[in-house]
C-alpha atoms as a PDB file:
ATOM      1  CA  MET A   1     -20.028  13.205  -3.707  1.00  0.00           C
ATOM      2  CA  GLU A   2     -22.609  15.811  -2.872  1.00  0.00           C
ATOM      3  CA  GLU A   3     -25.909  14.807  -1.290  1.00  0.00           C
ATOM      4  CA  PRO A   4     -28.366  13.783  -2.485  1.00  0.00           C
ATOM      5  CA  GLY A   5     -26.269  11.340  -4.468  1.00  0.00           C
ATOM      6  CA  TYR A   6     -26.314   7.680  -5.260  1.00  0.00           C
ATOM      7  CA  TRP A   7     -23.506   5.414  -6.338  1.00  0.00           C
ATOM      8  CA  VAL A   8     -22.821   1.716  -6.594  1.00  0.00           C
ATOM      9  CA  SER A   9     -19.627  -0.218  -7.036  1.00  0.00           C
ATOM     10  CA  PRO A  10     -19.911  -3.367  -9.160  1.00  0.00           C
ATOM     11  CA  TRP A  11     -16.569  -4.702  -7.944  1.00  0.00           C
ATOM     12  CA  ALA A  12     -13.921  -4.041  -5.322  1.00  0.00           C
ATOM     13  CA  TYR A  13     -10.248  -4.557  -4.780  1.00  0.00           C
ATOM     14  CA  THR A  14      -8.155  -4.820  -1.644  1.00  0.00           C
ATOM     15  CA  PHE A  15      -4.623  -4.999  -0.292  1.00  0.00           C
ATOM     16  CA  VAL A  16      -3.480  -8.058   1.615  1.00  0.00           C
ATOM     17  CA  ILE A  17      -0.282  -9.906   2.559  1.00  0.00           C
ATOM     18  CA  ALA A  18       1.610 -11.356  -0.385  1.00  0.00           C
ATOM     19  CA  TRP A  19       4.846 -13.309  -0.337  1.00  0.00           C
ATOM     20  CA  ASN A  20       7.237 -15.302  -2.448  1.00  0.00           C
ATOM     21  CA  PRO A  21       7.287 -18.932  -1.178  1.00  0.00           C
ATOM     22  CA  ARG A  22      10.719 -19.461  -2.706  1.00  0.00           C
ATOM     23  CA  PHE A  23      12.113 -17.262   0.075  1.00  0.00           C
ATOM     24  CA  ILE A  24       9.381 -17.384   2.729  1.00  0.00           C
ATOM     25  CA  GLN A  25       7.945 -20.795   3.643  1.00  0.00           C
ATOM     26  CA  ASP A  26       5.569 -19.516   6.322  1.00  0.00           C
ATOM     27  CA  GLU A  27       1.828 -18.940   6.068  1.00  0.00           C
ATOM     28  CA  PHE A  28       0.074 -15.728   7.045  1.00  0.00           C
ATOM     29  CA  ARG A  29      -3.337 -16.282   8.567  1.00  0.00           C
ATOM     30  CA  SER A  30      -3.325 -13.095  10.615  1.00  0.00           C
ATOM     31  CA  TRP A  31      -1.974  -9.610   9.966  1.00  0.00           C
ATOM     32  CA  ARG A  32       0.095 -10.112  13.130  1.00  0.00           C
ATOM     33  CA  ASP A  33       1.899 -13.076  11.566  1.00  0.00           C
ATOM     34  CA  ILE A  34       4.032 -10.571   9.667  1.00  0.00           C
ATOM     35  CA  LEU A  35       5.631  -9.247  12.871  1.00  0.00           C
ATOM     36  CA  LYS A  36       8.254 -11.961  13.250  1.00  0.00           C
ATOM     37  CA  PRO A  37      11.717 -10.519  13.880  1.00  0.00           C
ATOM     38  CA  ALA A  38      13.035 -12.857  11.168  1.00  0.00           C
ATOM     39  CA  TYR A  39      11.209 -10.675   8.584  1.00  0.00           C
ATOM     40  CA  ARG A  40      13.228  -7.602   9.461  1.00  0.00           C
ATOM     41  CA  GLY A  41      14.445  -6.043   6.223  1.00  0.00           C
ATOM     42  CA  LYS A  42      12.330  -8.365   4.110  1.00  0.00           C
ATOM     43  CA  VAL A  43       9.041  -6.410   3.871  1.00  0.00           C
ATOM     44  CA  ALA A  44       7.943  -4.000   1.152  1.00  0.00           C
ATOM     45  CA  MET A  45       5.104  -1.798   2.384  1.00  0.00           C
ATOM     46  CA  ALA A  46       2.709   0.562   0.656  1.00  0.00           C
ATOM     47  CA  ASP A  47       2.983   4.165   1.824  1.00  0.00           C
ATOM     48  CA  PRO A  48      -0.247   5.466   3.395  1.00  0.00           C
ATOM     49  CA  LEU A  49       1.018   9.047   3.298  1.00  0.00           C
ATOM     50  CA  ARG A  50       1.190   9.134  -0.475  1.00  0.00           C
ATOM     51  CA  SER A  51      -1.976   7.309  -1.549  1.00  0.00           C
ATOM     52  CA  LEU A  52      -5.614   7.669  -0.581  1.00  0.00           C
ATOM     53  CA  THR A  53      -6.314   4.015  -1.159  1.00  0.00           C
ATOM     54  CA  TYR A  54      -3.515   2.958   1.213  1.00  0.00           C
ATOM     55  CA  LEU A  55      -4.587   5.626   3.683  1.00  0.00           C
ATOM     56  CA  ASP A  56      -8.181   4.367   3.604  1.00  0.00           C
ATOM     57  CA  THR A  57      -6.853   0.850   4.099  1.00  0.00           C
ATOM     58  CA  TYR A  58      -4.908   2.064   7.116  1.00  0.00           C
ATOM     59  CA  ILE A  59      -8.057   3.677   8.518  1.00  0.00           C
ATOM     60  CA  GLY A  60      -9.980   0.446   8.110  1.00  0.00           C
ATOM     61  CA  LEU A  61      -7.281  -1.735   9.621  1.00  0.00           C
ATOM     62  CA  ARG A  62      -7.071   0.476  12.661  1.00  0.00           C
ATOM     63  CA  LYS A  63     -10.521  -0.880  13.518  1.00  0.00           C
ATOM     64  CA  VAL A  64      -8.983  -4.318  14.069  1.00  0.00           C
ATOM     65  CA  LEU A  65      -5.281  -3.541  14.714  1.00  0.00           C
ATOM     66  CA  ASP A  66      -3.979  -1.189  17.392  1.00  0.00           C
ATOM     67  CA  GLU A  67      -1.347   1.482  16.884  1.00  0.00           C
ATOM     68  CA  ARG A  68       1.263  -0.739  18.524  1.00  0.00           C
ATOM     69  CA  PHE A  69       0.919  -3.132  15.616  1.00  0.00           C
ATOM     70  CA  PHE A  70       2.083  -0.501  13.164  1.00  0.00           C
ATOM     71  CA  GLN A  71       4.928   0.512  15.424  1.00  0.00           C
ATOM     72  CA  GLN A  72       6.107  -3.098  15.515  1.00  0.00           C
ATOM     73  CA  LEU A  73       5.682  -3.300  11.767  1.00  0.00           C
ATOM     74  CA  ALA A  74       7.920  -0.256  11.325  1.00  0.00           C
ATOM     75  CA  ASP A  75      10.534  -1.970  13.496  1.00  0.00           C
ATOM     76  CA  LEU A  76      10.899  -4.484  10.653  1.00  0.00           C
ATOM     77  CA  GLN A  77      12.394  -1.679   8.522  1.00  0.00           C
ATOM     78  CA  PRO A  78       9.869  -1.923   5.685  1.00  0.00           C
ATOM     79  CA  PHE A  79      10.801  -0.559   2.281  1.00  0.00           C
ATOM     80  CA  PHE A  80       8.164   2.044   1.370  1.00  0.00           C
ATOM     81  CA  LEU A  81       6.736   2.223  -2.157  1.00  0.00           C
ATOM     82  CA  VAL A  82       3.545   3.493  -3.763  1.00  0.00           C
ATOM     83  CA  ARG A  83       2.918   1.695  -7.065  1.00  0.00           C
ATOM     84  CA  SER A  84       1.495  -1.775  -6.597  1.00  0.00           C
ATOM     85  CA  GLU A  85       3.546  -3.149  -9.480  1.00  0.00           C
ATOM     86  CA  ASP A  86       6.742  -1.848  -7.901  1.00  0.00           C
ATOM     87  CA  ILE A  87       5.863  -3.579  -4.647  1.00  0.00           C
ATOM     88  CA  MET A  88       5.162  -6.834  -6.416  1.00  0.00           C
ATOM     89  CA  SER A  89       8.349  -6.650  -8.478  1.00  0.00           C
ATOM     90  CA  ARG A  90      10.335  -6.621  -5.198  1.00  0.00           C
ATOM     91  CA  VAL A  91       8.404  -9.673  -4.020  1.00  0.00           C
ATOM     92  CA  VAL A  92       8.938 -11.510  -7.272  1.00  0.00           C
ATOM     93  CA  SER A  93      12.697 -10.828  -7.301  1.00  0.00           C
ATOM     94  CA  GLY A  94      13.044 -11.811  -3.664  1.00  0.00           C
ATOM     95  CA  GLU A  95      14.651  -8.515  -2.757  1.00  0.00           C
ATOM     96  CA  TYR A  96      11.745  -7.934  -0.388  1.00  0.00           C
ATOM     97  CA  PRO A  97       9.896 -11.241  -0.466  1.00  0.00           C
ATOM     98  CA  ILE A  98       6.919 -10.091   1.656  1.00  0.00           C
ATOM     99  CA  ALA A  99       4.457  -7.346   0.737  1.00  0.00           C
ATOM    100  CA  PHE A 100       2.355  -5.637   3.350  1.00  0.00           C
ATOM    101  CA  TRP A 101      -0.614  -4.399   1.388  1.00  0.00           C
ATOM    102  CA  GLY A 102       0.227  -6.348  -1.737  1.00  0.00           C
ATOM    103  CA  MET A 103      -2.365  -6.384  -4.496  1.00  0.00           C
ATOM    104  CA  PRO A 104      -3.738  -9.875  -5.258  1.00  0.00           C
ATOM    105  CA  THR A 105      -4.182  -9.183  -8.967  1.00  0.00           C
ATOM    106  CA  ARG A 106      -0.462  -8.311  -9.188  1.00  0.00           C
ATOM    107  CA  ALA A 107       0.262 -11.701  -7.681  1.00  0.00           C
ATOM    108  CA  TYR A 108      -1.930 -13.277 -10.349  1.00  0.00           C
ATOM    109  CA  GLN A 109      -0.016 -11.416 -13.049  1.00  0.00           C
ATOM    110  CA  ALA A 110       3.229 -12.800 -11.586  1.00  0.00           C
ATOM    111  CA  ALA A 111       1.778 -16.320 -11.624  1.00  0.00           C
ATOM    112  CA  ARG A 112       0.927 -15.942 -15.321  1.00  0.00           C
ATOM    113  CA  LYS A 113       4.572 -15.200 -15.931  1.00  0.00           C
ATOM    114  CA  GLY A 114       5.629 -18.360 -14.104  1.00  0.00           C
ATOM    115  CA  VAL A 115       6.506 -16.901 -10.692  1.00  0.00           C
ATOM    116  CA  GLU A 116       4.574 -18.210  -7.694  1.00  0.00           C
ATOM    117  CA  VAL A 117       3.402 -15.535  -5.318  1.00  0.00           C
ATOM    118  CA  ARG A 118       0.935 -16.399  -2.577  1.00  0.00           C
ATOM    119  CA  VAL A 119      -1.611 -14.127  -0.964  1.00  0.00           C
ATOM    120  CA  SER A 120      -3.501 -14.257   2.297  1.00  0.00           C
ATOM    121  CA  TYR A 121      -6.738 -12.552   3.270  1.00  0.00           C
ATOM    122  CA  PRO A 122      -6.071 -12.262   7.041  1.00  0.00           C
ATOM    123  CA  GLN A 123      -8.631 -13.482   9.524  1.00  0.00           C
ATOM    124  CA  GLU A 124      -9.109 -10.044  11.089  1.00  0.00           C
ATOM    125  CA  GLY A 125     -10.463  -8.818   7.758  1.00  0.00           C
ATOM    126  CA  ALA A 126      -9.525  -6.688   4.770  1.00  0.00           C
ATOM    127  CA  VAL A 127     -10.712  -3.327   3.507  1.00  0.00           C
ATOM    128  CA  LEU A 128     -12.678  -3.608   0.268  1.00  0.00           C
ATOM    129  CA  LEU A 129     -12.200  -0.550  -1.905  1.00  0.00           C
ATOM    130  CA  GLY A 130     -14.982   0.030  -4.399  1.00  0.00           C
ATOM    131  CA  SER A 131     -14.545   1.080  -7.995  1.00  0.00           C
ATOM    132  CA  PRO A 132     -17.719   2.998  -8.922  1.00  0.00           C
ATOM    133  CA  TRP A 133     -18.247   4.407 -12.391  1.00  0.00           C
ATOM    134  CA  VAL A 134     -19.022   8.075 -12.781  1.00  0.00           C
ATOM    135  CA  ILE A 135     -20.132  10.376 -15.574  1.00  0.00           C
ATOM    136  CA  LEU A 136     -18.522  13.774 -15.701  1.00  0.00           C
ATOM    137  CA  ALA A 137     -20.884  16.677 -15.274  1.00  0.00           C
ATOM    138  CA  ARG A 138     -19.789  18.132 -18.602  1.00  0.00           C
ATOM    139  CA  ALA A 139     -19.390  14.875 -20.514  1.00  0.00           C
ATOM    140  CA  PRO A 140     -19.992  15.467 -24.244  1.00  0.00           C
ATOM    141  CA  HIS A 141     -22.173  12.355 -24.576  1.00  0.00           C
ATOM    142  CA  PRO A 142     -23.770  11.634 -21.180  1.00  0.00           C
ATOM    143  CA  ASN A 143     -26.576   9.461 -22.561  1.00  0.00           C
ATOM    144  CA  ALA A 144     -24.087   7.202 -24.276  1.00  0.00           C
ATOM    145  CA  ALA A 145     -22.183   6.963 -21.028  1.00  0.00           C
ATOM    146  CA  LYS A 146     -25.360   5.975 -19.167  1.00  0.00           C
ATOM    147  CA  LEU A 147     -26.085   3.239 -21.676  1.00  0.00           C
ATOM    148  CA  ARG A 148     -22.527   1.906 -21.358  1.00  0.00           C
ATOM    149  CA  ILE A 149     -22.732   1.789 -17.576  1.00  0.00           C
ATOM    150  CA  ASP A 150     -26.179   0.195 -17.631  1.00  0.00           C
ATOM    151  CA  PHE A 151     -24.946  -2.480 -20.015  1.00  0.00           C
ATOM    152  CA  ILE A 152     -21.904  -3.310 -17.846  1.00  0.00           C
ATOM    153  CA  TYR A 153     -23.996  -3.480 -14.688  1.00  0.00           C
ATOM    154  CA  TYR A 154     -26.555  -5.645 -16.424  1.00  0.00           C
ATOM    155  CA  ILE A 155     -23.909  -8.174 -17.419  1.00  0.00           C
ATOM    156  CA  ILE A 156     -22.494  -8.209 -13.906  1.00  0.00           C
ATOM    157  CA  ASN A 157     -25.911  -8.621 -12.282  1.00  0.00           C
ATOM    158  CA  GLU A 158     -26.807 -11.419 -14.666  1.00  0.00           C
ATOM    159  CA  ALA A 159     -23.614 -13.247 -13.762  1.00  0.00           C
ATOM    160  CA  LEU A 160     -24.251 -12.836 -10.034  1.00  0.00           C
ATOM    161  CA  SER A 161     -27.943 -13.670  -9.992  1.00  0.00           C
ATOM    162  CA  THR A 162     -28.074 -16.496 -12.516  1.00  0.00           C
ATOM    163  CA  GLY A 163     -24.593 -18.007 -12.201  1.00  0.00           C
ATOM    164  CA  ARG A 164     -24.067 -17.810 -15.963  1.00  0.00           C
ATOM    165  CA  ASP A 165     -21.891 -20.639 -17.196  1.00  0.00           C
ATOM    166  CA  ASP A 166     -20.333 -18.410 -19.838  1.00  0.00           C
ATOM    167  CA  MET A 167     -18.871 -16.096 -17.180  1.00  0.00           C
ATOM    168  CA  PRO A 168     -17.082 -18.409 -14.689  1.00  0.00           C
ATOM    169  CA  VAL A 169     -14.236 -17.193 -12.530  1.00  0.00           C
ATOM    170  CA  PRO A 170     -11.086 -18.908 -13.844  1.00  0.00           C
ATOM    171  CA  SER A 171      -9.782 -21.414 -11.291  1.00  0.00           C
ATOM    172  CA  GLN A 172      -6.270 -19.993 -11.537  1.00  0.00           C
ATOM    173  CA  LEU A 173      -7.645 -16.547 -10.628  1.00  0.00           C
ATOM    174  CA  ARG A 174      -9.939 -17.627  -7.862  1.00  0.00           C
ATOM    175  CA  LYS A 175      -7.184 -18.275  -5.307  1.00  0.00           C
ATOM    176  CA  PHE A 176      -6.021 -14.703  -5.731  1.00  0.00           C
ATOM    177  CA  THR A 177      -9.433 -13.010  -5.868  1.00  0.00           C
ATOM    178  CA  PRO A 178     -12.075 -15.130  -4.112  1.00  0.00           C
ATOM    179  CA  PRO A 179     -15.740 -14.103  -4.096  1.00  0.00           C
ATOM    180  CA  VAL A 180     -16.593 -11.226  -1.789  1.00  0.00           C
ATOM    181  CA  THR A 181     -18.758 -13.597   0.259  1.00  0.00           C
ATOM    182  CA  GLU A 182     -15.603 -15.513   1.248  1.00  0.00           C
ATOM    183  CA  ILE A 183     -13.737 -12.413   2.468  1.00  0.00           C
ATOM    184  CA  ARG A 184     -14.181 -10.884   5.888  1.00  0.00           C
ATOM    185  CA  SER A 185     -14.781  -7.284   4.995  1.00  0.00           C
ATOM    186  CA  ILE A 186     -14.000  -4.613   7.563  1.00  0.00           C
ATOM    187  CA  PRO A 187     -17.056  -2.304   7.750  1.00  0.00           C
ATOM    188  CA  MET A 188     -16.340   1.187   6.425  1.00  0.00           C
ATOM    189  CA  ASP A 189     -18.609   4.200   6.727  1.00  0.00           C
ATOM    190  CA  TRP A 190     -17.641   5.937   3.495  1.00  0.00           C
ATOM    191  CA  LYS A 191     -19.897   8.910   4.176  1.00  0.00           C
ATOM    192  CA  GLN A 192     -17.710   9.662   7.212  1.00  0.00           C
ATOM    193  CA  MET A 193     -14.521   9.462   5.132  1.00  0.00           C
ATOM    194  CA  THR A 194     -14.002  13.208   5.027  1.00  0.00           C
ATOM    195  CA  GLU A 195     -10.836  15.206   4.430  1.00  0.00           C
ATOM    196  CA  ALA A 196     -10.679  15.865   8.159  1.00  0.00           C
ATOM    197  CA  THR A 197     -10.876  12.148   8.875  1.00  0.00           C
ATOM    198  CA  ARG A 198      -8.101  11.406   6.441  1.00  0.00           C
ATOM    199  CA  ALA A 199      -5.974  14.236   7.749  1.00  0.00           C
ATOM    200  CA  GLN A 200      -6.233  12.881  11.267  1.00  0.00           C
ATOM    201  CA  ALA A 201      -5.322   9.406  10.008  1.00  0.00           C
ATOM    202  CA  ARG A 202      -2.301  10.802   8.186  1.00  0.00           C
ATOM    203  CA  GLU A 203      -1.029  12.375  11.374  1.00  0.00           C
ATOM    204  CA  GLU A 204      -1.638   9.198  13.324  1.00  0.00           C
ATOM    205  CA  SER A 205       0.126   6.990  10.803  1.00  0.00           C
ATOM    206  CA  ARG A 206       2.955   9.513  10.446  1.00  0.00           C
ATOM    207  CA  TYR A 207       3.721   9.687  14.142  1.00  0.00           C
ATOM    208  CA  GLY A 208       2.623   6.136  15.013  1.00  0.00           C
ATOM    209  CA  LEU A 209       4.836   4.608  12.404  1.00  0.00           C
ATOM    210  CA  GLY A 210       7.526   7.138  13.246  1.00  0.00           C
ATOM    211  CA  ASP A 211       8.313   5.450  16.543  1.00  0.00           C
ATOM    212  CA  GLY A 212       9.301   2.366  14.615  1.00  0.00           C
ATOM    213  CA  LEU A 213      10.887   4.228  11.754  1.00  0.00           C
ATOM    214  CA  GLY A 214      13.187   5.876  14.233  1.00  0.00           C
ATOM    215  CA  HIS A 215      14.849   2.516  14.656  1.00  0.00           C
ATOM    216  CA  GLY A 216      15.837   2.466  11.010  1.00  0.00           C
ATOM    217  CA  ALA A 217      13.501   2.499   8.031  1.00  0.00           C
ATOM    218  CA  VAL A 218      15.037   1.496   4.747  1.00  0.00           C
ATOM    219  CA  LEU A 219      16.562   4.183   2.587  1.00  0.00           C
ATOM    220  CA  HIS A 220      14.805   4.434  -0.758  1.00  0.00           C
ATOM    221  CA  THR A 221      17.498   5.375  -3.286  1.00  0.00           C
ATOM    222  CA  GLY A 222      16.301   3.987  -6.589  1.00  0.00           C
ATOM    223  CA  ASP A 223      19.173   2.192  -8.281  1.00  0.00           C
ATOM    224  CA  LEU A 224      21.597   2.590  -5.352  1.00  0.00           C
ATOM    225  CA  PRO A 225      22.090  -0.418  -3.017  1.00  0.00           C
ATOM    226  CA  LEU A 226      18.781  -0.814  -1.266  1.00  0.00           C
ATOM    227  CA  ARG A 227      20.131  -2.288   1.961  1.00  0.00           C
ATOM    228  CA  GLU A 228      22.309   0.666   2.925  1.00  0.00           C
ATOM    229  CA  ARG A 229      21.246   2.949   5.701  1.00  0.00           C
ATOM    230  CA  CYS A 230      21.730   6.557   6.611  1.00  0.00           C
ATOM    231  CA  ALA A 231      21.348   7.691  10.202  1.00  0.00           C
ATOM    232  CA  ALA A 232      19.550  11.011  10.543  1.00  0.00           C
ATOM    233  CA  PRO A 233      20.210  13.285  13.504  1.00  0.00           C
ATOM    234  CA  HIS A 234      16.834  12.674  15.180  1.00  0.00           C
ATOM    235  CA  GLY A 235      16.737   8.932  14.489  1.00  0.00           C
ATOM    236  CA  PRO A 236      14.583   8.335  11.394  1.00  0.00           C
ATOM    237  CA  ARG A 237      16.234   7.364   8.118  1.00  0.00           C
ATOM    238  CA  LEU A 238      16.056   9.490   5.043  1.00  0.00           C
ATOM    239  CA  GLY A 239      13.998   8.202   2.117  1.00  0.00           C
ATOM    240  CA  GLY A 240      13.941   9.333  -1.470  1.00  0.00           C
ATOM    241  CA  GLU A 241      14.693   8.692  -5.093  1.00  0.00           C
ATOM    242  CA  ARG A 242      18.193   9.048  -6.436  1.00  0.00           C
ATOM    243  CA  ALA A 243      19.024  12.269  -8.241  1.00  0.00           C
ATOM    244  CA  GLY A 244      22.785  12.058  -8.719  1.00  0.00           C
ATOM    245  CA  PRO A 245      24.620  12.635  -5.450  1.00  0.00           C
ATOM    246  CA  ARG A 246      21.488  14.165  -3.919  1.00  0.00           C
ATOM    247  CA  ILE A 247      18.363  12.394  -2.727  1.00  0.00           C
ATOM    248  CA  ARG A 248      14.969  13.871  -3.563  1.00  0.00           C
ATOM    249  CA  SER A 249      12.996  13.014  -0.457  1.00  0.00           C
ATOM    250  CA  THR A 250       9.654  11.250  -0.753  1.00  0.00           C
ATOM    251  CA  GLY A 251       8.700  12.532   2.667  1.00  0.00           C
ATOM    252  CA  HIS A 252       7.407   9.458   4.469  1.00  0.00           C
ATOM    253  CA  HIS A 253      10.509   8.638   6.498  1.00  0.00           C
ATOM    254  CA  LEU A 254      11.136  12.188   7.767  1.00  0.00           C
ATOM    255  CA  ALA A 255       7.531  12.895   8.613  1.00  0.00           C
ATOM    256  CA  ASN A 256       7.953  12.469  12.363  1.00  0.00           C
ATOM    257  CA  TYR A 257      10.614  15.184  12.625  1.00  0.00           C
ATOM    258  CA  PRO A 258       9.735  17.998  15.028  1.00  0.00           C
ATOM    259  CA  PRO A 259       7.947  20.858  13.223  1.00  0.00           C
ATOM    260  CA  SER A 260      10.861  23.178  13.935  1.00  0.00           C
ATOM    261  CA  ASP A 261      13.387  20.869  12.330  1.00  0.00           C
ATOM    262  CA  PRO A 262      14.598  22.191   8.949  1.00  0.00           C
ATOM    263  CA  ALA A 263      14.651  18.631   7.545  1.00  0.00           C
ATOM    264  CA  ARG A 264      10.884  18.404   7.859  1.00  0.00           C
ATOM    265  CA  GLY A 265      10.402  21.642   5.988  1.00  0.00           C
ATOM    266  CA  ALA A 266      12.759  20.493   3.257  1.00  0.00           C
ATOM    267  CA  VAL A 267      10.790  17.314   2.833  1.00  0.00           C
ATOM    268  CA  ARG A 268       7.509  19.213   2.649  1.00  0.00           C
ATOM    269  CA  ARG A 269       8.959  21.479  -0.067  1.00  0.00           C
ATOM    270  CA  GLY A 270      10.458  18.554  -1.999  1.00  0.00           C
ATOM    271  CA  LEU A 271      13.999  19.920  -1.668  1.00  0.00           C
ATOM    272  CA  GLY A 272      17.063  17.732  -2.060  1.00  0.00           C
ATOM    273  CA  VAL A 273      18.427  16.056   1.055  1.00  0.00           C
ATOM    274  CA  ARG A 274      22.103  15.199   1.152  1.00  0.00           C
ATOM    275  CA  VAL A 275      22.870  11.829   2.713  1.00  0.00           C
ATOM    276  CA  HIS A 276      25.824   9.604   3.451  1.00  0.00           C
ATOM    277  CA  LEU A 277      25.727   6.093   2.027  1.00  0.00           C
ATOM    278  CA  ARG A 278      28.179   3.729   3.604  1.00  0.00           C
ATOM    279  CA  GLY A 279      30.832   2.945   1.068  1.00  0.00           C
ATOM    280  CA  HIS A 280      29.286   5.212  -1.585  1.00  0.00           C
ATOM    281  CA  PRO A 281      31.322   8.302  -2.529  1.00  0.00           C
ATOM    282  CA  SER A 282      28.466  10.274  -4.107  1.00  0.00           C
ATOM    283  CA  ALA A 283      27.450  11.943  -0.858  1.00  0.00           C
ATOM    284  CA  LYS A 284      29.635  13.112   1.988  1.00  0.00           C
ATOM    285  CA  THR A 285      27.445  13.837   4.959  1.00  0.00           C
ATOM    286  CA  CYS A 286      24.113  13.145   6.628  1.00  0.00           C
ATOM    287  CA  TRP A 287      21.881  16.241   6.579  1.00  0.00           C
END
């Protein structure tokens, strides 16, 4: 947003650790609690290379977690996804019963459907992502938009300042989304969140996570067996969505290939990558 500019976010959301207690009986008080070797192959993780919100979360967590943490996390062979509902569906089914960067409101939605999913706001802190309202520069009815925003903010401020009894937080929702005052928020300087800052963070996450991914990140193949692996010539596993016998790469698992490697270029261009799935006849060879 160009200066001078002013904005305010009436609410915020965040990504935390979520898990299905039917399959995981442990508690997660720290982000580091997820690093147990027993969780190898059981973690669904949001992809910071394909989403600004996850990337910003990564930038914030790097203030309290070192690069080694993410390398150890990658050693658990996390299954990379982008959509928060896709991540939660894996947790609900038990296919990947732990979500790194799970969305608490998705856990609440699962609870409303009768499936218990627990969430933890780790003691090191979480990154609160604001949701400000904006009015487009060429909006056809800007004054109406201003009145709408003023009304919404008025209601929110009334609820916060007076504790209105007609706007309580439902008890069943509170354990998933506690008040901001009860969450340790990692300080973020949003004015410094430039494209250059994000580009640097992408490279760091790409190569930092790559050390762990080289030990075998999970192959993302859509409706093919999710537990199968494919060894790539330089170590990392291929990732993508099924497109018949070919795999359309999503790019995150091949990102730490050397720049000269043709596989990296293919990923950048979104070309098909041919893989070998153990026991699956649809593909013959690895790259």
